[in-house]
Amino acid sequence: MRYISTRGKAPELGFEDVLLTGLARDGGLYVPKTWPQLSAADLKRLSGLSYAETAFEICRLFTGDAFDDATLKQIMDEVYGSFGHSAVAPLKQLDANLWMMELFHGPTLAFKDYAMQVLGRMFDHVLAKRGERVTIVGATSGDTGSAAIEACRDRENIEIFIFFPEGRVSPVQQHQMTTVQAPNVHAIALEGTFDDCQDLVKALFNDADFRDRHNLSAVNSINWARILPQVVYYVTSALSVGATADRPASFVVPTGNFGNIFAAYAARQMGLPIDRLVVATNQNDILSRFLQSGEMKLEGVKPSISPSMDIQVSSNFERFLFDLYDRDGAAVTEVLTGFRENGSFSISQGMLEKARSVFDGYRTDESETKATIRAVYEETGEIADPHSAVSLGAARQARASGDIGTEAPLISLACAHAAKFPDAVEAAIGVRPALPARLGDLLEREERMTVLPNDFRTVSTHIAGIVAGKENAA
């Protein structure tokens, strides 16, 4: 398995180097050179396996010789054996042919755990084998940061710095990042938006001297190894509802950075019987607007009750754009350079039709999100967090529009535990969801974080000083 950059200039790499490199040196994102294929016989065999066994079978198609089978199996068994539900990613049926997939049974109660816990162990194995250390830098709109910190805490060969937008994540999300006392963990509240945090991460990677001096690596979904384990739950859930070529499943994914739904696209490219992929956005609706008009146009980020989706620049969309442009890296570079300069770009009608052959997009605004939380609770007794409600709101719109027929299995993703957003949930249904007992005192734990301006020199100097101090102490 070889990987190529969406910008077309960086060298091809194997999985191990893609894992440690994160962002390609030409500023692009790595994608598989070819998609491995799952035959009908493969899918039938996978349908009888456990979640961890399925994760092993899917991930080994992409990892090449980076891990021997015994090591990769051990990673999957350790990760998913520790999750809080025996099914790992259980499905709950809400209506005829409508299911909600619960992706909050990991240690930080969000879907990011499903990939991040694997990523942390992969880093450990590869770094130990190479005798190297890495400095991980990541940006979060809420859940990536805590999942990354939990996966990388106390690991000897990793120093991890997570940027989050000051005052724009929920108190539970912030405390999950700032109360971890591990010496290799550094939470940085950046004065700005998530897009500012993400831009800063890319700027650090694009500074070749800084990148090489500190051996930078990434845990954001710009790293292909973050996307890969997310493919697994699309496979397990589609097989669970009996998806076939004659009766394919469709998925609704609450989307900000396009990484989670790109994992679904990857599964579809591999041959998993998937019909439609529905992009569910909140009031920051750049992706759903694009699927309506063919124009990607920046607007100001509007804070919402679903803060993990308060994003305008969706990094992983570049991976799909690469396919829309027939994998022409130079064309992608030109389009995205213009996007940064002008704040918008448009695709041809033919490309829009190609995108629409796979994706639909729906917006669920603040009032609709609250109404959906309330309706789901009253109709089913399930308590949905705001992000999951955005997804369920889009699912209902997709059904009402006729884009997805009522006879087709439709799976809506619940990407976070309701207790991570208790104020919004309580305002909608009058019930305040409680954190699991192991996190019951989270908001009383001592915080440790640094507030920094959105300034490259200030942030890079801060990171360099900490890394140098650790190296000198060693």
Protein backbone atom coordinates (compact mmCIF):
# COMPACT_ATOMS: atom_id res chain seq x y z
CA MET A 1 0.00 0.00 0.00
CA ARG A 2 1.41 3.36 -1.09
CA TYR A 3 0.13 6.86 -0.32
CA ILE A 4 0.16 9.99 -2.47
CA SER A 5 -0.38 13.67 -1.67
CA THR A 6 -3.44 15.60 -2.81
CA ARG A 7 -1.07 18.35 -4.01
CA GLY A 8 0.89 15.96 -6.23
CA LYS A 9 4.47 16.98 -5.35
CA ALA A 10 5.36 15.19 -2.11
CA PRO A 11 6.98 11.75 -2.40
CA GLU A 12 4.93 8.57 -2.20
CA LEU A 13 5.14 7.00 1.25
CA GLY A 14 4.29 3.76 3.00
CA PHE A 15 1.93 3.68 5.97
CA GLU A 16 4.60 3.98 8.65
CA ASP A 17 5.96 7.21 7.18
CA VAL A 18 2.46 8.57 6.56
CA LEU A 19 1.67 7.94 10.24
CA LEU A 20 4.66 9.96 11.43
CA THR A 21 4.55 12.62 8.70
CA GLY A 22 0.91 13.70 9.07
CA LEU A 23 0.72 16.60 6.60
CA ALA A 24 2.55 16.05 3.31
CA ARG A 25 5.56 18.28 2.65
CA ASP A 26 3.83 19.98 -0.26
CA GLY A 27 1.00 21.04 2.07
CA GLY A 28 -1.34 18.30 0.87
CA LEU A 29 -3.01 15.37 2.59
CA TYR A 30 -2.03 11.76 2.01
CA VAL A 31 -4.55 9.34 0.49
CA PRO A 32 -4.18 5.73 -0.65
CA LYS A 33 -2.80 5.47 -4.19
CA THR A 34 -5.44 2.81 -4.83
CA TRP A 35 -8.41 1.65 -2.77
CA PRO A 36 -8.32 -1.97 -1.60
CA GLN A 37 -11.50 -3.79 -2.54
CA LEU A 38 -13.94 -5.80 -0.43
CA SER A 39 -15.68 -8.56 -2.37
CA ALA A 40 -19.09 -9.98 -1.50
CA ALA A 41 -17.26 -12.97 0.00
CA ASP A 42 -15.10 -10.64 2.11
CA LEU A 43 -18.15 -8.83 3.44
CA LYS A 44 -19.88 -12.11 4.28
CA ARG A 45 -16.82 -13.23 6.23
CA LEU A 46 -16.54 -9.90 8.07
CA SER A 47 -20.19 -10.02 9.12
CA GLY A 48 -19.40 -12.85 11.52
CA LEU A 49 -16.51 -11.13 13.28
CA SER A 50 -16.28 -9.04 16.44
CA TYR A 51 -15.58 -5.30 16.23
CA ALA A 52 -11.89 -5.75 17.11
CA GLU A 53 -11.52 -8.56 14.57
CA THR A 54 -13.14 -6.44 11.88
CA ALA A 55 -10.84 -3.52 12.77
CA PHE A 56 -7.83 -5.80 12.32
CA GLU A 57 -9.05 -7.05 8.94
CA ILE A 58 -9.83 -3.58 7.59
CA CYS A 59 -6.73 -1.81 8.91
CA ARG A 60 -4.30 -4.48 7.73
CA LEU A 61 -5.38 -3.69 4.15
CA PHE A 62 -3.83 -0.23 4.58
CA THR A 63 -0.86 -0.69 6.92
CA GLY A 64 1.39 -2.81 4.71
CA ASP A 65 4.43 -4.09 6.59
CA ALA A 66 4.30 -1.40 9.29
CA PHE A 67 2.85 -3.94 11.76
CA ASP A 68 2.97 -7.70 11.87
CA ASP A 69 -0.39 -9.42 12.31
CA ALA A 70 0.19 -10.25 15.98
CA THR A 71 0.99 -6.62 16.86
CA LEU A 72 -1.93 -5.19 14.93
CA LYS A 73 -4.32 -7.70 16.49
CA GLN A 74 -3.02 -6.83 19.95
CA ILE A 75 -3.58 -3.11 19.32
CA MET A 76 -7.18 -3.66 18.26
CA ASP A 77 -7.93 -6.06 21.11
CA GLU A 78 -6.48 -3.67 23.70
CA VAL A 79 -8.27 -0.61 22.32
CA TYR A 80 -11.75 -1.94 21.73
CA GLY A 81 -11.71 -4.37 24.64
CA SER A 82 -11.56 -1.33 26.94
CA PHE A 83 -14.62 0.44 25.53
CA GLY A 84 -17.76 0.78 27.62
CA HIS A 85 -20.10 -1.31 25.48
CA SER A 86 -19.56 -4.88 24.34
CA ALA A 87 -20.68 -4.00 20.80
CA VAL A 88 -18.21 -1.05 20.78
CA ALA A 89 -20.35 0.94 18.30
CA PRO A 90 -23.91 -0.26 19.04
CA LEU A 91 -26.94 0.54 16.91
CA LYS A 92 -30.25 1.65 18.37
CA GLN A 93 -33.33 1.51 16.18
CA LEU A 94 -35.38 4.71 16.40
CA ASP A 95 -37.90 4.13 13.64
CA ALA A 96 -38.58 1.86 10.68
CA ASN A 97 -35.21 1.55 8.95
CA LEU A 98 -33.69 4.41 10.99
CA TRP A 99 -30.85 3.60 13.38
CA MET A 100 -28.63 5.70 15.60
CA MET A 101 -25.04 4.49 15.90
CA GLU A 102 -23.62 5.30 19.35
CA LEU A 103 -20.00 6.37 19.01
CA PHE A 104 -19.44 7.62 22.55
CA HIS A 105 -18.41 4.52 24.46
CA GLY A 106 -14.69 5.31 24.50
CA PRO A 107 -12.70 6.96 27.31
CA THR A 108 -13.55 10.57 26.39
CA LEU A 109 -17.17 9.94 25.32
CA ALA A 110 -16.78 10.96 21.67
CA PHE A 111 -16.25 9.28 18.30
CA LYS A 112 -12.66 10.52 18.11
CA ASP A 113 -11.71 7.77 20.60
CA TYR A 114 -12.35 5.09 17.99
CA ALA A 115 -9.40 6.27 15.93
CA MET A 116 -7.29 8.11 18.49
CA GLN A 117 -6.82 5.16 20.83
CA VAL A 118 -5.51 3.16 17.88
CA LEU A 119 -3.32 6.03 16.73
CA GLY A 120 -1.63 6.41 20.13
CA ARG A 121 -0.63 2.75 20.19
CA MET A 122 0.54 2.86 16.58
CA PHE A 123 2.78 5.81 17.40
CA ASP A 124 4.19 3.96 20.41
CA HIS A 125 5.05 0.88 18.37
CA VAL A 126 6.65 2.71 15.44
CA LEU A 127 8.61 5.20 17.57
CA ALA A 128 9.99 2.43 19.79
CA LYS A 129 11.03 0.46 16.72
CA ARG A 130 12.79 3.51 15.24
CA GLY A 131 14.18 4.86 18.50
CA GLU A 132 12.65 8.27 17.81
CA ARG A 133 10.62 10.96 19.57
CA VAL A 134 7.90 13.15 18.04
CA THR A 135 6.28 16.44 18.87
CA ILE A 136 2.57 16.18 18.15
CA VAL A 137 0.64 19.37 17.41
CA GLY A 138 -3.12 19.28 16.97
CA ALA A 139 -6.13 21.58 16.72
CA THR A 140 -9.52 20.82 18.19
CA SER A 141 -13.01 22.24 18.06
CA GLY A 142 -13.77 20.21 21.16
CA ASP A 143 -13.44 16.44 21.00
CA THR A 144 -10.23 15.71 19.05
CA GLY A 145 -8.11 17.33 21.76
CA SER A 146 -9.32 15.29 24.69
CA ALA A 147 -9.23 12.06 22.66
CA ALA A 148 -5.68 12.80 21.50
CA ILE A 149 -4.51 13.68 24.99
CA GLU A 150 -6.04 10.54 26.45
CA ALA A 151 -4.37 8.43 23.75
CA CYS A 152 -0.92 10.05 24.08
CA ARG A 153 -0.67 10.89 27.79
CA ASP A 154 2.40 9.58 29.65
CA ARG A 155 3.96 8.11 26.51
CA GLU A 156 7.74 8.52 26.73
CA ASN A 157 8.40 9.20 23.06
CA ILE A 158 5.65 11.81 22.55
CA GLU A 159 5.26 15.48 23.51
CA ILE A 160 1.74 16.64 22.63
CA PHE A 161 0.43 20.20 22.18
CA ILE A 162 -3.29 20.72 21.59
CA PHE A 163 -4.74 24.09 20.50
CA PHE A 164 -8.39 24.86 21.20
CA PRO A 165 -10.31 28.13 20.65
CA GLU A 166 -10.54 29.97 23.97
CA GLY A 167 -14.12 30.11 25.26
CA ARG A 168 -15.53 28.19 22.29
CA VAL A 169 -15.63 24.62 23.64
CA SER A 170 -17.96 23.25 26.28
CA PRO A 171 -16.80 23.20 29.93
CA VAL A 172 -16.69 19.39 29.87
CA GLN A 173 -14.63 19.38 26.68
CA GLN A 174 -12.20 21.94 28.13
CA HIS A 175 -11.77 20.12 31.42
CA GLN A 176 -11.12 16.84 29.63
CA MET A 177 -8.11 18.55 28.04
CA THR A 178 -6.88 20.79 30.83
CA THR A 179 -7.14 18.51 33.87
CA VAL A 180 -4.79 15.80 32.59
CA GLN A 181 -1.66 16.17 34.70
CA ALA A 182 0.67 14.09 32.49
CA PRO A 183 4.01 15.88 31.97
CA ASN A 184 3.98 15.36 28.19
CA VAL A 185 0.56 17.01 27.72
CA HIS A 186 0.20 20.73 26.91
CA ALA A 187 -3.24 22.31 26.41
CA ILE A 188 -3.15 25.71 24.73
CA ALA A 189 -6.20 28.00 24.60
CA LEU A 190 -5.76 30.07 21.47
CA GLU A 191 -7.35 33.50 21.14
CA GLY A 192 -9.39 32.83 18.00
CA THR A 193 -11.60 30.28 16.25
CA PHE A 194 -11.06 26.61 15.46
CA ASP A 195 -10.09 27.62 11.92
CA ASP A 196 -7.32 29.77 13.45
CA CYS A 197 -6.13 26.77 15.47
CA GLN A 198 -6.15 24.57 12.37
CA ASP A 199 -4.31 27.19 10.30
CA LEU A 200 -1.64 27.44 12.98
CA VAL A 201 -1.06 23.68 12.95
CA LYS A 202 -0.63 23.77 9.17
CA ALA A 203 1.72 26.76 9.45
CA LEU A 204 3.92 24.87 11.91
CA PHE A 205 4.10 21.92 9.51
CA ASN A 206 4.83 24.17 6.55
CA ASP A 207 7.83 25.70 8.35
CA ALA A 208 10.31 23.04 7.20
CA ASP A 209 13.03 24.02 9.67
CA PHE A 210 10.69 23.97 12.69
CA ARG A 211 9.06 20.75 11.49
CA ASP A 212 12.36 18.91 11.10
CA ARG A 213 14.01 20.31 14.22
CA HIS A 214 11.17 19.14 16.46
CA ASN A 215 10.10 16.08 14.44
CA LEU A 216 6.49 17.24 14.15
CA SER A 217 3.64 14.81 13.73
CA ALA A 218 -0.16 15.16 13.62
CA VAL A 219 -3.16 13.62 15.34
CA ASN A 220 -5.76 15.71 13.53
CA SER A 221 -7.60 14.05 10.70
CA ILE A 222 -5.07 15.59 8.31
CA ASN A 223 -3.20 12.40 9.31
CA TRP A 224 -4.51 9.49 7.23
CA ALA A 225 -3.94 7.15 10.18
CA ARG A 226 -6.69 9.08 12.00
CA ILE A 227 -9.20 8.44 9.21
CA LEU A 228 -8.44 4.75 8.77
CA PRO A 229 -9.87 3.29 12.02
CA GLN A 230 -13.08 5.27 11.45
CA VAL A 231 -13.74 3.22 8.31
CA VAL A 232 -14.36 0.23 10.58
CA TYR A 233 -17.63 1.36 12.17
CA TYR A 234 -19.18 2.03 8.79
CA VAL A 235 -18.36 -1.55 7.84
CA THR A 236 -19.71 -3.09 11.07
CA SER A 237 -22.91 -1.03 11.07
CA ALA A 238 -23.72 -1.55 7.39
CA LEU A 239 -23.30 -5.29 7.82
CA SER A 240 -25.38 -5.23 11.01
CA VAL A 241 -28.40 -3.81 9.16
CA GLY A 242 -28.00 -6.33 6.37
CA ALA A 243 -26.76 -3.97 3.68
CA THR A 244 -26.33 -5.58 0.28
CA ALA A 245 -25.77 -4.39 -3.26
CA ASP A 246 -29.54 -4.59 -3.80
CA ARG A 247 -30.36 -2.88 -0.50
CA PRO A 248 -27.45 -0.58 0.39
CA ALA A 249 -27.25 1.44 3.59
CA SER A 250 -27.07 5.22 3.78
CA PHE A 251 -25.38 7.29 6.49
CA VAL A 252 -25.99 10.72 8.00
CA VAL A 253 -22.88 12.25 9.53
CA PRO A 254 -22.69 15.48 11.57
CA THR A 255 -19.81 17.17 9.82
CA GLY A 256 -17.46 20.06 10.39
CA ASN A 257 -14.02 19.04 9.15
CA PHE A 258 -15.24 16.34 6.71
CA GLY A 259 -12.98 13.65 8.20
CA ASN A 260 -15.65 11.36 9.61
CA ILE A 261 -17.75 11.37 6.47
CA PHE A 262 -14.64 10.90 4.33
CA ALA A 263 -14.09 7.63 6.20
CA ALA A 264 -17.58 6.63 5.01
CA TYR A 265 -16.62 7.64 1.48
CA ALA A 266 -13.49 5.48 1.80
CA ALA A 267 -15.64 2.50 2.83
CA ARG A 268 -17.87 3.12 -0.19
CA GLN A 269 -14.83 3.27 -2.48
CA MET A 270 -13.75 -0.10 -1.09
CA GLY A 271 -17.03 -1.70 -2.12
CA LEU A 272 -19.12 -1.49 1.04
CA PRO A 273 -22.78 -1.31 -0.11
CA ILE A 274 -23.49 2.36 0.65
CA ASP A 275 -26.02 4.42 -1.30
CA ARG A 276 -26.12 8.01 0.04
CA LEU A 277 -23.84 9.94 2.38
CA VAL A 278 -25.62 12.86 4.02
CA VAL A 279 -23.54 15.81 5.20
CA ALA A 280 -25.30 17.22 8.27
CA THR A 281 -24.24 20.77 9.19
CA ASN A 282 -25.30 23.21 11.86
CA GLN A 283 -25.66 26.94 11.18
CA ASN A 284 -22.03 26.94 9.98
CA ASP A 285 -23.24 25.39 6.77
CA ILE A 286 -20.44 25.87 4.24
CA LEU A 287 -20.54 22.19 3.23
CA SER A 288 -24.31 21.89 2.77
CA ARG A 289 -24.28 25.18 0.83
CA PHE A 290 -21.57 23.80 -1.42
CA LEU A 291 -23.61 20.70 -2.21
CA GLN A 292 -26.54 22.92 -3.17
CA SER A 293 -24.66 25.44 -5.31
CA GLY A 294 -21.23 24.09 -6.23
CA GLU A 295 -19.65 27.15 -4.56
CA MET A 296 -17.47 26.86 -1.48
CA LYS A 297 -17.69 30.29 0.15
CA LEU A 298 -16.35 31.36 3.54
CA GLU A 299 -18.58 33.13 6.02
CA GLY A 300 -17.82 34.07 9.61
CA VAL A 301 -17.94 31.26 12.15
CA LYS A 302 -21.07 31.55 14.29
CA PRO A 303 -20.77 29.98 17.79
CA SER A 304 -23.44 27.33 18.32
CA ILE A 305 -24.65 24.72 20.81
CA SER A 306 -22.86 22.12 18.65
CA PRO A 307 -19.38 23.72 18.88
CA SER A 308 -17.41 20.81 17.42
CA MET A 309 -18.99 21.71 14.08
CA ASP A 310 -18.29 25.45 14.22
CA ILE A 311 -15.89 25.28 11.27
CA GLN A 312 -15.63 26.99 7.89
CA VAL A 313 -12.42 25.49 6.45
CA SER A 314 -12.98 21.73 6.27
CA SER A 315 -9.49 20.29 5.86
CA ASN A 316 -10.51 16.82 4.79
CA PHE A 317 -12.68 18.11 1.96
CA GLU A 318 -9.38 18.39 0.08
CA ARG A 319 -9.23 14.59 -0.08
CA PHE A 320 -12.60 14.44 -1.82
CA LEU A 321 -11.72 17.43 -4.02
CA PHE A 322 -8.69 15.45 -5.19
CA ASP A 323 -11.02 12.77 -6.55
CA LEU A 324 -13.38 15.36 -8.06
CA TYR A 325 -10.42 16.71 -10.02
CA ASP A 326 -9.47 13.19 -11.16
CA ARG A 327 -6.52 13.16 -8.76
CA ASP A 328 -4.83 16.13 -10.42
CA GLY A 329 -2.66 17.56 -7.62
CA ALA A 330 -1.74 20.71 -9.54
CA ALA A 331 -5.41 21.54 -10.10
CA VAL A 332 -6.21 21.00 -6.42
CA THR A 333 -3.30 23.24 -5.42
CA GLU A 334 -4.53 26.00 -7.73
CA VAL A 335 -8.11 25.79 -6.45
CA LEU A 336 -7.17 25.83 -2.77
CA THR A 337 -4.60 28.60 -3.19
CA GLY A 338 -7.33 30.72 -4.76
CA PHE A 339 -9.72 29.75 -1.96
CA ARG A 340 -7.27 31.06 0.63
CA GLU A 341 -6.80 34.28 -1.30
CA ASN A 342 -10.40 34.96 -2.30
CA GLY A 343 -12.50 33.10 0.27
CA SER A 344 -14.40 31.11 -2.34
CA PHE A 345 -14.16 28.77 -5.29
CA SER A 346 -16.65 27.06 -7.60
CA ILE A 347 -16.67 23.74 -9.40
CA SER A 348 -18.21 22.88 -12.75
CA GLN A 349 -21.75 21.58 -13.08
CA GLY A 350 -20.33 18.20 -14.06
CA MET A 351 -18.25 18.04 -10.91
CA LEU A 352 -21.23 19.10 -8.81
CA GLU A 353 -23.30 16.30 -10.29
CA LYS A 354 -20.46 13.89 -9.54
CA ALA A 355 -20.40 15.07 -5.91
CA ARG A 356 -24.18 14.84 -5.68
CA SER A 357 -24.08 11.27 -6.96
CA VAL A 358 -22.68 10.38 -3.52
CA PHE A 359 -23.43 13.24 -1.12
CA ASP A 360 -26.47 15.18 0.02
CA GLY A 361 -26.27 18.13 2.41
CA TYR A 362 -28.73 19.45 4.99
CA ARG A 363 -28.55 22.28 7.51
CA THR A 364 -30.08 22.07 10.99
CA ASP A 365 -30.08 25.46 12.71
CA GLU A 366 -30.11 26.19 16.44
CA SER A 367 -33.87 26.11 16.92
CA GLU A 368 -34.21 22.95 14.82
CA THR A 369 -31.41 21.30 16.82
CA LYS A 370 -33.20 21.99 20.10
CA ALA A 371 -36.51 20.83 18.63
CA THR A 372 -34.88 17.60 17.44
CA ILE A 373 -33.39 16.87 20.87
CA ARG A 374 -36.86 17.34 22.33
CA ALA A 375 -38.68 15.28 19.67
CA VAL A 376 -36.25 12.36 19.88
CA TYR A 377 -36.53 12.31 23.66
CA GLU A 378 -40.32 12.41 23.59
CA GLU A 379 -40.65 9.79 20.85
CA THR A 380 -37.93 7.33 21.83
CA GLY A 381 -36.61 8.22 25.29
CA GLU A 382 -33.11 8.67 23.86
CA ILE A 383 -31.14 11.74 24.92
CA ALA A 384 -29.17 13.13 21.99
CA ASP A 385 -26.36 15.63 22.30
CA PRO A 386 -26.60 18.67 19.97
CA HIS A 387 -24.25 17.19 17.35
CA SER A 388 -26.22 13.95 17.22
CA ALA A 389 -29.39 16.04 16.97
CA VAL A 390 -27.99 17.88 13.95
CA SER A 391 -27.47 14.47 12.35
CA LEU A 392 -30.97 13.25 13.22
CA GLY A 393 -32.44 16.52 11.96
CA ALA A 394 -30.71 15.99 8.63
CA ALA A 395 -31.88 12.37 8.53
CA ARG A 396 -35.48 13.51 8.84
CA GLN A 397 -34.98 16.10 6.11
CA ALA A 398 -33.43 13.49 3.81
CA ARG A 399 -36.39 11.18 4.35
CA ALA A 400 -38.93 13.99 3.84
CA SER A 401 -37.27 15.14 0.62
CA GLY A 402 -37.32 11.66 -0.84
CA ASP A 403 -33.53 11.60 -1.28
CA ILE A 404 -33.50 8.43 0.81
CA GLY A 405 -36.53 6.15 0.66
CA THR A 406 -38.19 4.82 3.80
CA GLU A 407 -37.44 1.25 2.80
CA ALA A 408 -33.68 1.81 2.78
CA PRO A 409 -31.60 1.36 5.97
CA LEU A 410 -30.47 4.78 7.22
CA ILE A 411 -27.87 5.13 9.99
CA SER A 412 -27.44 8.44 11.80
CA LEU A 413 -24.24 8.94 13.78
CA ALA A 414 -24.34 9.92 17.47
CA CYS A 415 -20.83 11.26 17.86
CA ALA A 416 -20.78 12.44 21.48
CA HIS A 417 -22.33 11.63 24.86
CA ALA A 418 -25.09 14.07 25.85
CA ALA A 419 -23.34 14.80 29.16
CA LYS A 420 -20.59 16.65 27.28
CA PHE A 421 -23.17 19.36 26.48
CA PRO A 422 -25.46 19.34 29.53
CA ASP A 423 -26.64 22.96 29.32
CA ALA A 424 -27.95 22.63 25.76
CA VAL A 425 -29.63 19.29 26.48
CA GLU A 426 -31.23 20.53 29.69
CA ALA A 427 -32.56 23.62 27.94
CA ALA A 428 -34.21 21.40 25.34
CA ILE A 429 -35.77 18.66 27.48
CA GLY A 430 -35.51 19.79 31.11
CA VAL A 431 -33.26 16.85 31.97
CA ARG A 432 -29.58 17.34 32.76
CA PRO A 433 -27.58 14.35 31.55
CA ALA A 434 -25.00 13.09 34.02
CA LEU A 435 -21.41 12.19 33.29
CA PRO A 436 -20.42 8.56 33.87
CA ALA A 437 -19.23 7.92 37.42
CA ARG A 438 -15.56 7.80 36.42
CA LEU A 439 -15.85 11.43 35.25
CA GLY A 440 -18.28 12.62 37.91
CA ASP A 441 -15.78 15.07 39.50
CA LEU A 442 -14.33 16.31 36.19
CA LEU A 443 -15.43 19.93 36.54
CA GLU A 444 -13.87 20.14 40.01
CA ARG A 445 -10.44 18.91 38.90
CA GLU A 446 -7.53 21.36 38.74
CA GLU A 447 -6.93 22.84 35.28
CA ARG A 448 -3.54 23.31 33.64
CA MET A 449 -3.41 25.28 30.39
CA THR A 450 -1.69 28.19 28.66
CA VAL A 451 -3.56 31.02 26.90
CA LEU A 452 -1.71 32.33 23.84
CA PRO A 453 -2.49 34.85 21.08
CA ASN A 454 -3.13 33.66 17.54
CA ASP A 455 0.44 34.44 16.56
CA PHE A 456 2.83 32.01 14.86
CA ARG A 457 6.02 33.33 16.42
CA THR A 458 4.61 33.32 19.96
CA VAL A 459 3.22 29.79 19.66
CA SER A 460 6.25 28.29 17.91
CA THR A 461 8.60 29.84 20.47
CA HIS A 462 6.45 28.42 23.29
CA ILE A 463 6.57 24.91 21.83
CA ALA A 464 10.28 25.07 21.03
CA GLY A 465 11.11 26.14 24.59
CA ILE A 466 9.24 23.22 26.16
CA VAL A 467 10.65 20.63 23.74
CA ALA A 468 14.20 21.93 24.18
CA GLY A 469 13.81 21.85 27.95
CA LYS A 470 12.70 18.21 27.85
CA GLU A 471 15.57 17.27 25.56
CA ASN A 472 18.12 18.99 27.79
CA ALA A 473 16.70 17.28 30.87
CA ALA A 474 17.01 13.92 29.14
